[in-house]
Amino acid sequence: MSEDTHPHENRTDVVGMWVTADGHIRQELRADGRYDEARGNRISAYTGRYTVTGNHVDYVDDTGFTATGDIRDGVLHHEHLVLHREETQA
């Protein structure tokens, strides 16, 4: 792994729940380098691992499918999706 590539346990700024504006897609980026994406009522529709290089996110799902994303101004742009960090309740 290059110096510029960090598993997300070192990138606490990306760890958490990311959600589309309509709440239909919910993507959890976990501290163990894994992600779990729900779509509508379909829990764990996609699962896999991810790495972060700068603000760029590379995804590899458990079937081998790959995708990418970028975090710009606190917004995750994942392929054609726009996801915002879900606020946690205190």
PDB file of N, CA and C in Angstrom:
ATOM      1  N   MET A   1       0.858  -1.180   0.000  1.00  0.00           N
ATOM      2  CA  MET A   1       0.000   0.000   0.000  1.00  0.00           C
ATOM      3  C   MET A   1       0.894   1.228   0.000  1.00  0.00           C
ATOM      4  N   SER A   2       0.644   2.177  -0.880  1.00  0.00           N
ATOM      5  CA  SER A   2       1.472   3.372  -0.968  1.00  0.00           C
ATOM      6  C   SER A   2       1.220   4.296   0.220  1.00  0.00           C
ATOM      7  N   GLU A   3       2.125   5.254   0.384  1.00  0.00           N
ATOM      8  CA  GLU A   3       1.961   6.207   1.484  1.00  0.00           C
ATOM      9  C   GLU A   3       0.691   7.025   1.339  1.00  0.00           C
ATOM     10  N   ASP A   4       0.240   7.263   0.096  1.00  0.00           N
ATOM     11  CA  ASP A   4      -0.942   8.082  -0.139  1.00  0.00           C
ATOM     12  C   ASP A   4      -2.245   7.313   0.021  1.00  0.00           C
ATOM     13  N   THR A   5      -2.168   5.999   0.141  1.00  0.00           N
ATOM     14  CA  THR A   5      -3.369   5.183   0.273  1.00  0.00           C
ATOM     15  C   THR A   5      -3.546   4.794   1.726  1.00  0.00           C
ATOM     16  N   HIS A   6      -4.711   5.080   2.246  1.00  0.00           N
ATOM     17  CA  HIS A   6      -4.965   4.813   3.652  1.00  0.00           C
ATOM     18  C   HIS A   6      -6.235   4.003   3.793  1.00  0.00           C
ATOM     19  N   PRO A   7      -6.178   2.883   4.534  1.00  0.00           N
ATOM     20  CA  PRO A   7      -7.445   2.242   4.855  1.00  0.00           C
ATOM     21  C   PRO A   7      -8.249   3.220   5.688  1.00  0.00           C
ATOM     22  N   HIS A   8      -9.548   3.139   5.593  1.00  0.00           N
ATOM     23  CA  HIS A   8     -10.344   4.189   6.220  1.00  0.00           C
ATOM     24  C   HIS A   8     -10.244   4.234   7.727  1.00  0.00           C
ATOM     25  N   GLU A   9      -9.663   3.229   8.403  1.00  0.00           N
ATOM     26  CA  GLU A   9      -9.498   3.368   9.847  1.00  0.00           C
ATOM     27  C   GLU A   9      -8.568   4.541  10.172  1.00  0.00           C
ATOM     28  N   ASN A  10      -7.760   4.958   9.210  1.00  0.00           N
ATOM     29  CA  ASN A  10      -6.905   6.126   9.387  1.00  0.00           C
ATOM     30  C   ASN A  10      -7.565   7.393   8.863  1.00  0.00           C
ATOM     31  N   ARG A  11      -8.753   7.264   8.307  1.00  0.00           N
ATOM     32  CA  ARG A  11      -9.455   8.399   7.722  1.00  0.00           C
ATOM     33  C   ARG A  11     -10.801   8.567   8.404  1.00  0.00           C
ATOM     34  N   THR A  12     -10.762   8.976   9.665  1.00  0.00           N
ATOM     35  CA  THR A  12     -12.005   9.107  10.422  1.00  0.00           C
ATOM     36  C   THR A  12     -12.957  10.124   9.809  1.00  0.00           C
ATOM     37  N   ASP A  13     -12.453  10.971   8.895  1.00  0.00           N
ATOM     38  CA  ASP A  13     -13.321  11.938   8.239  1.00  0.00           C
ATOM     39  C   ASP A  13     -14.277  11.283   7.246  1.00  0.00           C
ATOM     40  N   VAL A  14     -14.034  10.045   6.839  1.00  0.00           N
ATOM     41  CA  VAL A  14     -14.936   9.368   5.906  1.00  0.00           C
ATOM     42  C   VAL A  14     -15.800   8.312   6.583  1.00  0.00           C
ATOM     43  N   VAL A  15     -15.397   7.867   7.751  1.00  0.00           N
ATOM     44  CA  VAL A  15     -16.133   6.813   8.451  1.00  0.00           C
ATOM     45  C   VAL A  15     -17.487   7.341   8.908  1.00  0.00           C
ATOM     46  N   GLY A  16     -18.522   6.550   8.685  1.00  0.00           N
ATOM     47  CA  GLY A  16     -19.858   6.921   9.126  1.00  0.00           C
ATOM     48  C   GLY A  16     -20.892   6.554   8.088  1.00  0.00           C
ATOM     49  N   MET A  17     -22.103   7.032   8.298  1.00  0.00           N
ATOM     50  CA  MET A  17     -23.217   6.755   7.403  1.00  0.00           C
ATOM     51  C   MET A  17     -23.377   7.908   6.423  1.00  0.00           C
ATOM     52  N   TRP A  18     -23.444   7.572   5.147  1.00  0.00           N
ATOM     53  CA  TRP A  18     -23.650   8.536   4.073  1.00  0.00           C
ATOM     54  C   TRP A  18     -24.978   8.190   3.412  1.00  0.00           C
ATOM     55  N   VAL A  19     -25.807   9.209   3.149  1.00  0.00           N
ATOM     56  CA  VAL A  19     -27.187   8.972   2.721  1.00  0.00           C
ATOM     57  C   VAL A  19     -27.550   9.922   1.571  1.00  0.00           C
ATOM     58  N   THR A  20     -28.316   9.409   0.600  1.00  0.00           N
ATOM     59  CA  THR A  20     -28.841  10.276  -0.457  1.00  0.00           C
ATOM     60  C   THR A  20     -29.931  11.163   0.148  1.00  0.00           C
ATOM     61  N   ALA A  21     -30.234  12.257  -0.523  1.00  0.00           N
ATOM     62  CA  ALA A  21     -31.206  13.229  -0.009  1.00  0.00           C
ATOM     63  C   ALA A  21     -32.566  12.591   0.259  1.00  0.00           C
ATOM     64  N   ASP A  22     -32.952  11.627  -0.560  1.00  0.00           N
ATOM     65  CA  ASP A  22     -34.254  10.979  -0.364  1.00  0.00           C
ATOM     66  C   ASP A  22     -34.198   9.809   0.618  1.00  0.00           C
ATOM     67  N   GLY A  23     -33.004   9.500   1.133  1.00  0.00           N
ATOM     68  CA  GLY A  23     -32.850   8.419   2.109  1.00  0.00           C
ATOM     69  C   GLY A  23     -32.919   7.024   1.507  1.00  0.00           C
ATOM     70  N   HIS A  24     -33.051   6.921   0.193  1.00  0.00           N
ATOM     71  CA  HIS A  24     -33.208   5.607  -0.445  1.00  0.00           C
ATOM     72  C   HIS A  24     -31.919   4.777  -0.381  1.00  0.00           C
ATOM     73  N   ILE A  25     -30.780   5.455  -0.504  1.00  0.00           N
ATOM     74  CA  ILE A  25     -29.496   4.753  -0.469  1.00  0.00           C
ATOM     75  C   ILE A  25     -28.735   5.209   0.766  1.00  0.00           C
ATOM     76  N   ARG A  26     -28.277   4.216   1.536  1.00  0.00           N
ATOM     77  CA  ARG A  26     -27.541   4.463   2.769  1.00  0.00           C
ATOM     78  C   ARG A  26     -26.248   3.657   2.707  1.00  0.00           C
ATOM     79  N   GLN A  27     -25.138   4.360   2.732  1.00  0.00           N
ATOM     80  CA  GLN A  27     -23.848   3.694   2.617  1.00  0.00           C
ATOM     81  C   GLN A  27     -23.042   3.921   3.886  1.00  0.00           C
ATOM     82  N   GLU A  28     -22.774   2.842   4.596  1.00  0.00           N
ATOM     83  CA  GLU A  28     -21.974   2.923   5.814  1.00  0.00           C
ATOM     84  C   GLU A  28     -20.526   2.603   5.481  1.00  0.00           C
ATOM     85  N   LEU A  29     -19.647   3.566   5.713  1.00  0.00           N
ATOM     86  CA  LEU A  29     -18.210   3.353   5.573  1.00  0.00           C
ATOM     87  C   LEU A  29     -17.675   3.071   6.967  1.00  0.00           C
ATOM     88  N   ARG A  30     -17.217   1.846   7.172  1.00  0.00           N
ATOM     89  CA  ARG A  30     -16.819   1.403   8.508  1.00  0.00           C
ATOM     90  C   ARG A  30     -15.324   1.579   8.733  1.00  0.00           C
ATOM     91  N   ALA A  31     -14.945   1.627   9.985  1.00  0.00           N
ATOM     92  CA  ALA A  31     -13.550   1.847  10.376  1.00  0.00           C
ATOM     93  C   ALA A  31     -12.654   0.654  10.089  1.00  0.00           C
ATOM     94  N   ASP A  32     -13.235  -0.494   9.752  1.00  0.00           N
ATOM     95  CA  ASP A  32     -12.427  -1.681   9.454  1.00  0.00           C
ATOM     96  C   ASP A  32     -12.119  -1.829   7.964  1.00  0.00           C
ATOM     97  N   GLY A  33     -12.429  -0.778   7.164  1.00  0.00           N
ATOM     98  CA  GLY A  33     -12.143  -0.825   5.737  1.00  0.00           C
ATOM     99  C   GLY A  33     -13.244  -1.455   4.913  1.00  0.00           C
ATOM    100  N   ARG A  34     -14.371  -1.730   5.522  1.00  0.00           N
ATOM    101  CA  ARG A  34     -15.503  -2.340   4.830  1.00  0.00           C
ATOM    102  C   ARG A  34     -16.619  -1.311   4.658  1.00  0.00           C
ATOM    103  N   TYR A  35     -17.476  -1.558   3.666  1.00  0.00           N
ATOM    104  CA  TYR A  35     -18.674  -0.738   3.517  1.00  0.00           C
ATOM    105  C   TYR A  35     -19.881  -1.652   3.387  1.00  0.00           C
ATOM    106  N   ASP A  36     -21.033  -1.096   3.723  1.00  0.00           N
ATOM    107  CA  ASP A  36     -22.304  -1.818   3.632  1.00  0.00           C
ATOM    108  C   ASP A  36     -23.323  -0.819   3.103  1.00  0.00           C
ATOM    109  N   GLU A  37     -23.893  -1.133   1.939  1.00  0.00           N
ATOM    110  CA  GLU A  37     -24.822  -0.205   1.297  1.00  0.00           C
ATOM    111  C   GLU A  37     -26.220  -0.804   1.239  1.00  0.00           C
ATOM    112  N   ALA A  38     -27.178  -0.060   1.760  1.00  0.00           N
ATOM    113  CA  ALA A  38     -28.588  -0.446   1.699  1.00  0.00           C
ATOM    114  C   ALA A  38     -29.260   0.381   0.621  1.00  0.00           C
ATOM    115  N   ARG A  39     -30.224  -0.241  -0.070  1.00  0.00           N
ATOM    116  CA  ARG A  39     -31.011   0.455  -1.095  1.00  0.00           C
ATOM    117  C   ARG A  39     -32.473   0.185  -0.816  1.00  0.00           C
ATOM    118  N   GLY A  40     -33.190   1.234  -0.422  1.00  0.00           N
ATOM    119  CA  GLY A  40     -34.594   1.062  -0.068  1.00  0.00           C
ATOM    120  C   GLY A  40     -34.734   0.077   1.075  1.00  0.00           C
ATOM    121  N   ASN A  41     -35.564  -0.937   0.893  1.00  0.00           N
ATOM    122  CA  ASN A  41     -35.763  -1.960   1.918  1.00  0.00           C
ATOM    123  C   ASN A  41     -34.738  -3.084   1.831  1.00  0.00           C
ATOM    124  N   ARG A  42     -33.858  -3.001   0.864  1.00  0.00           N
ATOM    125  CA  ARG A  42     -32.863  -4.056   0.660  1.00  0.00           C
ATOM    126  C   ARG A  42     -31.618  -3.772   1.494  1.00  0.00           C
ATOM    127  N   ILE A  43     -31.547  -4.385   2.654  1.00  0.00           N
ATOM    128  CA  ILE A  43     -30.413  -4.216   3.568  1.00  0.00           C
ATOM    129  C   ILE A  43     -29.210  -4.956   2.989  1.00  0.00           C
ATOM    130  N   SER A  44     -28.037  -4.368   3.129  1.00  0.00           N
ATOM    131  CA  SER A  44     -26.790  -4.956   2.624  1.00  0.00           C
ATOM    132  C   SER A  44     -26.900  -5.338   1.148  1.00  0.00           C
ATOM    133  N   ALA A  45     -27.457  -4.443   0.343  1.00  0.00           N
ATOM    134  CA  ALA A  45     -27.571  -4.674  -1.098  1.00  0.00           C
ATOM    135  C   ALA A  45     -26.189  -4.843  -1.720  1.00  0.00           C
ATOM    136  N   TYR A  46     -25.235  -4.065  -1.236  1.00  0.00           N
ATOM    137  CA  TYR A  46     -23.859  -4.164  -1.689  1.00  0.00           C
ATOM    138  C   TYR A  46     -22.946  -4.093  -0.475  1.00  0.00           C
ATOM    139  N   THR A  47     -21.974  -4.980  -0.423  1.00  0.00           N
ATOM    140  CA  THR A  47     -20.982  -4.966   0.649  1.00  0.00           C
ATOM    141  C   THR A  47     -19.613  -5.192   0.025  1.00  0.00           C
ATOM    142  N   GLY A  48     -18.598  -4.686   0.688  1.00  0.00           N
ATOM    143  CA  GLY A  48     -17.251  -4.870   0.177  1.00  0.00           C
ATOM    144  C   GLY A  48     -16.254  -4.071   0.983  1.00  0.00           C
ATOM    145  N   ARG A  49     -15.157  -3.739   0.322  1.00  0.00           N
ATOM    146  CA  ARG A  49     -14.101  -2.980   0.999  1.00  0.00           C
ATOM    147  C   ARG A  49     -13.819  -1.707   0.216  1.00  0.00           C
ATOM    148  N   TYR A  50     -13.174  -0.775   0.889  1.00  0.00           N
ATOM    149  CA  TYR A  50     -12.809   0.470   0.221  1.00  0.00           C
ATOM    150  C   TYR A  50     -11.489   0.986   0.754  1.00  0.00           C
ATOM    151  N   THR A  51     -10.822   1.795  -0.052  1.00  0.00           N
ATOM    152  CA  THR A  51      -9.606   2.490   0.345  1.00  0.00           C
ATOM    153  C   THR A  51      -9.759   3.956  -0.036  1.00  0.00           C
ATOM    154  N   VAL A  52      -9.013   4.789   0.664  1.00  0.00           N
ATOM    155  CA  VAL A  52      -9.069   6.229   0.438  1.00  0.00           C
ATOM    156  C   VAL A  52      -7.681   6.723   0.077  1.00  0.00           C
ATOM    157  N   THR A  53      -7.591   7.485  -1.003  1.00  0.00           N
ATOM    158  CA  THR A  53      -6.360   8.153  -1.406  1.00  0.00           C
ATOM    159  C   THR A  53      -6.696   9.629  -1.536  1.00  0.00           C
ATOM    160  N   GLY A  54      -6.207  10.427  -0.614  1.00  0.00           N
ATOM    161  CA  GLY A  54      -6.593  11.836  -0.599  1.00  0.00           C
ATOM    162  C   GLY A  54      -8.092  11.932  -0.373  1.00  0.00           C
ATOM    163  N   ASN A  55      -8.814  12.519  -1.318  1.00  0.00           N
ATOM    164  CA  ASN A  55     -10.274  12.613  -1.237  1.00  0.00           C
ATOM    165  C   ASN A  55     -10.968  11.609  -2.151  1.00  0.00           C
ATOM    166  N   HIS A  56     -10.196  10.713  -2.739  1.00  0.00           N
ATOM    167  CA  HIS A  56     -10.736   9.725  -3.676  1.00  0.00           C
ATOM    168  C   HIS A  56     -10.982   8.393  -2.955  1.00  0.00           C
ATOM    169  N   VAL A  57     -12.126   7.782  -3.248  1.00  0.00           N
ATOM    170  CA  VAL A  57     -12.493   6.502  -2.637  1.00  0.00           C
ATOM    171  C   VAL A  57     -12.600   5.455  -3.742  1.00  0.00           C
ATOM    172  N   ASP A  58     -11.915   4.328  -3.543  1.00  0.00           N
ATOM    173  CA  ASP A  58     -12.024   3.182  -4.444  1.00  0.00           C
ATOM    174  C   ASP A  58     -12.760   2.069  -3.720  1.00  0.00           C
ATOM    175  N   TYR A  59     -13.790   1.536  -4.368  1.00  0.00           N
ATOM    176  CA  TYR A  59     -14.617   0.479  -3.810  1.00  0.00           C
ATOM    177  C   TYR A  59     -14.403  -0.815  -4.585  1.00  0.00           C
ATOM    178  N   VAL A  60     -14.380  -1.946  -3.893  1.00  0.00           N
ATOM    179  CA  VAL A  60     -14.425  -3.263  -4.514  1.00  0.00           C
ATOM    180  C   VAL A  60     -15.463  -4.053  -3.737  1.00  0.00           C
ATOM    181  N   ASP A  61     -16.585  -4.383  -4.407  1.00  0.00           N
ATOM    182  CA  ASP A  61     -17.613  -5.121  -3.671  1.00  0.00           C
ATOM    183  C   ASP A  61     -17.249  -6.600  -3.619  1.00  0.00           C
ATOM    184  N   ASP A  62     -17.974  -7.340  -2.821  1.00  0.00           N
ATOM    185  CA  ASP A  62     -17.640  -8.733  -2.555  1.00  0.00           C
ATOM    186  C   ASP A  62     -17.768  -9.633  -3.784  1.00  0.00           C
ATOM    187  N   THR A  63     -18.395  -9.137  -4.856  1.00  0.00           N
ATOM    188  CA  THR A  63     -18.474  -9.911  -6.096  1.00  0.00           C
ATOM    189  C   THR A  63     -17.353  -9.545  -7.061  1.00  0.00           C
ATOM    190  N   GLY A  64     -16.541  -8.517  -6.700  1.00  0.00           N
ATOM    191  CA  GLY A  64     -15.443  -8.091  -7.545  1.00  0.00           C
ATOM    192  C   GLY A  64     -15.734  -6.842  -8.361  1.00  0.00           C
ATOM    193  N   PHE A  65     -16.976  -6.345  -8.328  1.00  0.00           N
ATOM    194  CA  PHE A  65     -17.346  -5.120  -9.031  1.00  0.00           C
ATOM    195  C   PHE A  65     -16.610  -3.940  -8.413  1.00  0.00           C
ATOM    196  N   THR A  66     -16.124  -3.027  -9.233  1.00  0.00           N
ATOM    197  CA  THR A  66     -15.419  -1.858  -8.711  1.00  0.00           C
ATOM    198  C   THR A  66     -16.195  -0.584  -9.002  1.00  0.00           C
ATOM    199  N   ALA A  67     -15.987   0.403  -8.141  1.00  0.00           N
ATOM    200  CA  ALA A  67     -16.603   1.715  -8.294  1.00  0.00           C
ATOM    201  C   ALA A  67     -15.673   2.734  -7.644  1.00  0.00           C
ATOM    202  N   THR A  68     -15.941   3.998  -7.912  1.00  0.00           N
ATOM    203  CA  THR A  68     -15.126   5.061  -7.342  1.00  0.00           C
ATOM    204  C   THR A  68     -16.007   6.169  -6.795  1.00  0.00           C
ATOM    205  N   GLY A  69     -15.404   7.015  -6.001  1.00  0.00           N
ATOM    206  CA  GLY A  69     -16.090   8.186  -5.473  1.00  0.00           C
ATOM    207  C   GLY A  69     -15.075   9.240  -5.089  1.00  0.00           C
ATOM    208  N   ASP A  70     -15.575  10.426  -4.837  1.00  0.00           N
ATOM    209  CA  ASP A  70     -14.740  11.528  -4.381  1.00  0.00           C
ATOM    210  C   ASP A  70     -15.507  12.310  -3.331  1.00  0.00           C
ATOM    211  N   ILE A  71     -14.788  12.761  -2.324  1.00  0.00           N
ATOM    212  CA  ILE A  71     -15.399  13.608  -1.297  1.00  0.00           C
ATOM    213  C   ILE A  71     -14.971  15.036  -1.582  1.00  0.00           C
ATOM    214  N   ARG A  72     -15.981  15.871  -1.865  1.00  0.00           N
ATOM    215  CA  ARG A  72     -15.735  17.280  -2.151  1.00  0.00           C
ATOM    216  C   ARG A  72     -16.638  18.127  -1.271  1.00  0.00           C
ATOM    217  N   ASP A  73     -16.032  19.027  -0.519  1.00  0.00           N
ATOM    218  CA  ASP A  73     -16.775  19.922   0.369  1.00  0.00           C
ATOM    219  C   ASP A  73     -17.715  19.157   1.290  1.00  0.00           C
ATOM    220  N   GLY A  74     -17.240  18.020   1.815  1.00  0.00           N
ATOM    221  CA  GLY A  74     -18.027  17.241   2.768  1.00  0.00           C
ATOM    222  C   GLY A  74     -19.145  16.425   2.157  1.00  0.00           C
ATOM    223  N   VAL A  75     -19.164  16.315   0.823  1.00  0.00           N
ATOM    224  CA  VAL A  75     -20.191  15.552   0.110  1.00  0.00           C
ATOM    225  C   VAL A  75     -19.501  14.405  -0.620  1.00  0.00           C
ATOM    226  N   LEU A  76     -20.071  13.203  -0.502  1.00  0.00           N
ATOM    227  CA  LEU A  76     -19.534  12.029  -1.179  1.00  0.00           C
ATOM    228  C   LEU A  76     -20.224  11.867  -2.527  1.00  0.00           C
ATOM    229  N   HIS A  77     -19.448  11.995  -3.588  1.00  0.00           N
ATOM    230  CA  HIS A  77     -19.932  11.790  -4.956  1.00  0.00           C
ATOM    231  C   HIS A  77     -19.478  10.393  -5.361  1.00  0.00           C
ATOM    232  N   HIS A  78     -20.410   9.447  -5.316  1.00  0.00           N
ATOM    233  CA  HIS A  78     -20.107   8.035  -5.571  1.00  0.00           C
ATOM    234  C   HIS A  78     -20.790   7.640  -6.869  1.00  0.00           C
ATOM    235  N   GLU A  79     -19.952   7.522  -7.935  1.00  0.00           N
ATOM    236  CA  GLU A  79     -20.481   7.285  -9.283  1.00  0.00           C
ATOM    237  C   GLU A  79     -21.546   8.346  -9.562  1.00  0.00           C
ATOM    238  N   HIS A  80     -22.789   7.994  -9.824  1.00  0.00           N
ATOM    239  CA  HIS A  80     -23.842   8.975 -10.126  1.00  0.00           C
ATOM    240  C   HIS A  80     -24.593   9.454  -8.881  1.00  0.00           C
ATOM    241  N   LEU A  81     -24.223   8.966  -7.706  1.00  0.00           N
ATOM    242  CA  LEU A  81     -24.925   9.308  -6.465  1.00  0.00           C
ATOM    243  C   LEU A  81     -24.280  10.490  -5.759  1.00  0.00           C
ATOM    244  N   VAL A  82     -25.094  11.233  -5.022  1.00  0.00           N
ATOM    245  CA  VAL A  82     -24.614  12.302  -4.146  1.00  0.00           C
ATOM    246  C   VAL A  82     -25.104  11.954  -2.753  1.00  0.00           C
ATOM    247  N   LEU A  83     -24.150  11.743  -1.845  1.00  0.00           N
ATOM    248  CA  LEU A  83     -24.491  11.324  -0.481  1.00  0.00           C
ATOM    249  C   LEU A  83     -23.938  12.331   0.526  1.00  0.00           C
ATOM    250  N   HIS A  84     -24.725  12.568   1.559  1.00  0.00           N
ATOM    251  CA  HIS A  84     -24.329  13.468   2.641  1.00  0.00           C
ATOM    252  C   HIS A  84     -24.175  12.658   3.914  1.00  0.00           C
ATOM    253  N   ARG A  85     -23.258  13.108   4.750  1.00  0.00           N
ATOM    254  CA  ARG A  85     -23.046  12.412   6.010  1.00  0.00           C
ATOM    255  C   ARG A  85     -24.305  12.544   6.874  1.00  0.00           C
ATOM    256  N   GLU A  86     -24.750  11.436   7.408  1.00  0.00           N
ATOM    257  CA  GLU A  86     -25.920  11.451   8.279  1.00  0.00           C
ATOM    258  C   GLU A  86     -25.517  12.009   9.637  1.00  0.00           C
ATOM    259  N   GLU A  87     -26.279  12.948  10.105  1.00  0.00           N
ATOM    260  CA  GLU A  87     -26.025  13.528  11.424  1.00  0.00           C
ATOM    261  C   GLU A  87     -26.435  12.541  12.499  1.00  0.00           C
ATOM    262  N   THR A  88     -25.576  12.387  13.510  1.00  0.00           N
ATOM    263  CA  THR A  88     -25.914  11.484  14.614  1.00  0.00           C
ATOM    264  C   THR A  88     -26.644  12.244  15.695  1.00  0.00           C
ATOM    265  N   GLN A  89     -27.546  11.550  16.347  1.00  0.00           N
ATOM    266  CA  GLN A  89     -28.295  12.157  17.458  1.00  0.00           C
ATOM    267  C   GLN A  89     -27.452  12.114  18.716  1.00  0.00           C
ATOM    268  N   ALA A  90     -27.418  13.195  19.459  1.00  0.00           N
ATOM    269  CA  ALA A  90     -26.634  13.256  20.700  1.00  0.00           C
ATOM    270  C   ALA A  90     -27.360  12.556  21.822  1.00  0.00           C
TER     271      ALA A  90
END
